[in-house]
Amino acid sequence: MTSQPKEAIYEALNPIGERESPKYLGINPRLDTLDGKTIGLFDNAKRECPYVLGKIEKLLQERFPAIKISWFRKGTYKQVMWDAEKEWAKNLDGVIAMCGD
């Protein structure tokens, strides 16, 4: 009589390892007005972004004459530019992001 081999036990490991979860900052309160504020227009380099954001910029300037607009356009939609984006956003009161075609 032959004995059956023991069943193998495998341990699954995460190749990323353990890491701390990012701190959740929450959503900032809504601005009471856009007049006199500096608003960023974020363009993720997709085809229609400049046209849509350009229209949004004109509408905002008509409605809020004292608004200041700052643009940020990624080189390509796949490009990661965290440091440049953070630096750009430092002095903004709010951001409107266009992500898509």
Protein backbone atom coordinates (compact mmCIF):
# COMPACT_ATOMS: atom_id res chain seq x y z
CA MET A 1 0.00 0.00 0.00
CA THR A 2 1.43 3.37 -1.01
CA SER A 3 0.77 6.44 1.03
CA GLN A 4 -0.47 9.55 -0.68
CA PRO A 5 1.85 12.56 -0.63
CA LYS A 6 0.98 15.40 1.70
CA GLU A 7 -0.90 18.26 0.14
CA ALA A 8 1.42 21.20 -0.56
CA ILE A 9 0.75 24.46 1.25
CA TYR A 10 1.68 27.68 -0.48
CA GLU A 11 1.93 31.14 0.98
CA ALA A 12 1.07 34.06 -1.30
CA LEU A 13 3.28 37.11 -0.85
CA ASN A 14 2.65 40.61 -2.07
CA PRO A 15 5.65 41.70 -4.19
CA ILE A 16 4.97 45.34 -3.29
CA GLY A 17 5.42 44.64 0.39
CA GLU A 18 3.76 46.45 3.23
CA ARG A 19 3.31 50.17 3.04
CA GLU A 20 1.52 52.91 4.88
CA SER A 21 -1.78 54.09 3.53
CA PRO A 22 -1.72 57.68 2.28
CA LYS A 23 -3.19 60.24 4.64
CA TYR A 24 -6.68 61.25 3.58
CA LEU A 25 -7.01 65.02 3.55
CA GLY A 26 -10.65 65.24 2.57
CA ILE A 27 -12.27 67.72 0.26
CA ASN A 28 -11.66 71.41 0.76
CA PRO A 29 -14.72 73.56 1.40
CA ARG A 30 -16.34 75.14 -1.65
CA LEU A 31 -15.12 78.65 -2.44
CA ASP A 32 -17.69 81.34 -1.64
CA THR A 33 -16.85 83.17 -4.89
CA LEU A 34 -14.38 82.89 -7.74
CA ASP A 35 -14.04 86.66 -8.12
CA GLY A 36 -10.52 87.68 -7.11
CA LYS A 37 -9.41 84.07 -6.79
CA THR A 38 -6.66 82.31 -8.71
CA ILE A 39 -8.09 79.27 -10.45
CA GLY A 40 -6.02 76.62 -12.17
CA LEU A 41 -7.12 74.97 -15.40
CA PHE A 42 -5.57 71.51 -15.59
CA ASP A 43 -5.25 70.01 -19.08
CA ASN A 44 -4.21 66.35 -19.18
CA ALA A 45 -3.09 66.67 -22.84
CA LYS A 46 -6.04 64.94 -24.41
CA ARG A 47 -7.21 66.23 -27.78
CA GLU A 48 -10.23 68.35 -26.76
CA CYS A 49 -8.94 69.70 -23.44
CA PRO A 50 -7.62 73.06 -24.69
CA TYR A 51 -10.88 73.85 -26.49
CA VAL A 52 -13.17 72.97 -23.59
CA LEU A 53 -10.97 74.65 -20.97
CA GLY A 54 -10.57 77.69 -23.23
CA LYS A 55 -14.35 78.06 -23.32
CA ILE A 56 -14.56 77.59 -19.55
CA GLU A 57 -11.87 80.27 -19.11
CA LYS A 58 -13.86 82.78 -21.20
CA LEU A 59 -17.07 82.05 -19.31
CA LEU A 60 -15.33 82.43 -15.95
CA GLN A 61 -13.74 85.74 -16.97
CA GLU A 62 -17.12 87.07 -18.12
CA ARG A 63 -18.82 86.08 -14.89
CA PHE A 64 -15.97 86.92 -12.48
CA PRO A 65 -14.02 89.92 -13.87
CA ALA A 66 -11.34 89.83 -11.12
CA ILE A 67 -10.57 86.11 -11.54
CA LYS A 68 -6.98 85.06 -12.28
CA ILE A 69 -6.41 81.96 -14.42
CA SER A 70 -3.34 79.71 -14.41
CA TRP A 71 -2.97 76.87 -16.92
CA PHE A 72 -1.13 73.58 -16.51
CA ARG A 73 -0.83 71.27 -19.50
CA LYS A 74 0.84 67.90 -19.22
CA GLY A 75 3.26 66.94 -21.99
CA THR A 76 1.28 63.77 -22.72
CA TYR A 77 -1.71 62.24 -20.97
CA LYS A 78 0.48 59.33 -19.78
CA GLN A 79 3.24 61.53 -18.37
CA VAL A 80 3.53 61.64 -14.58
CA MET A 81 4.45 65.14 -13.39
CA TRP A 82 3.66 65.09 -9.65
CA ASP A 83 6.35 67.58 -8.62
CA ALA A 84 5.51 70.07 -11.36
CA GLU A 85 1.78 69.77 -10.65
CA LYS A 86 2.29 70.32 -6.91
CA GLU A 87 4.47 73.37 -7.54
CA TRP A 88 1.89 74.82 -9.95
CA ALA A 89 -0.98 74.24 -7.51
CA LYS A 90 0.72 75.86 -4.49
CA ASN A 91 -0.73 79.33 -5.05
CA LEU A 92 -4.11 78.36 -6.46
CA ASP A 93 -7.42 78.81 -4.69
CA GLY A 94 -9.08 76.09 -6.76
CA VAL A 95 -8.60 73.86 -9.82
CA ILE A 96 -10.81 72.80 -12.69
CA ALA A 97 -9.43 69.63 -14.26
CA MET A 98 -10.22 68.41 -17.75
CA CYS A 99 -9.40 64.75 -18.07
CA GLY A 100 -10.63 63.22 -21.29
CA ASP A 101 -11.35 63.68 -24.94
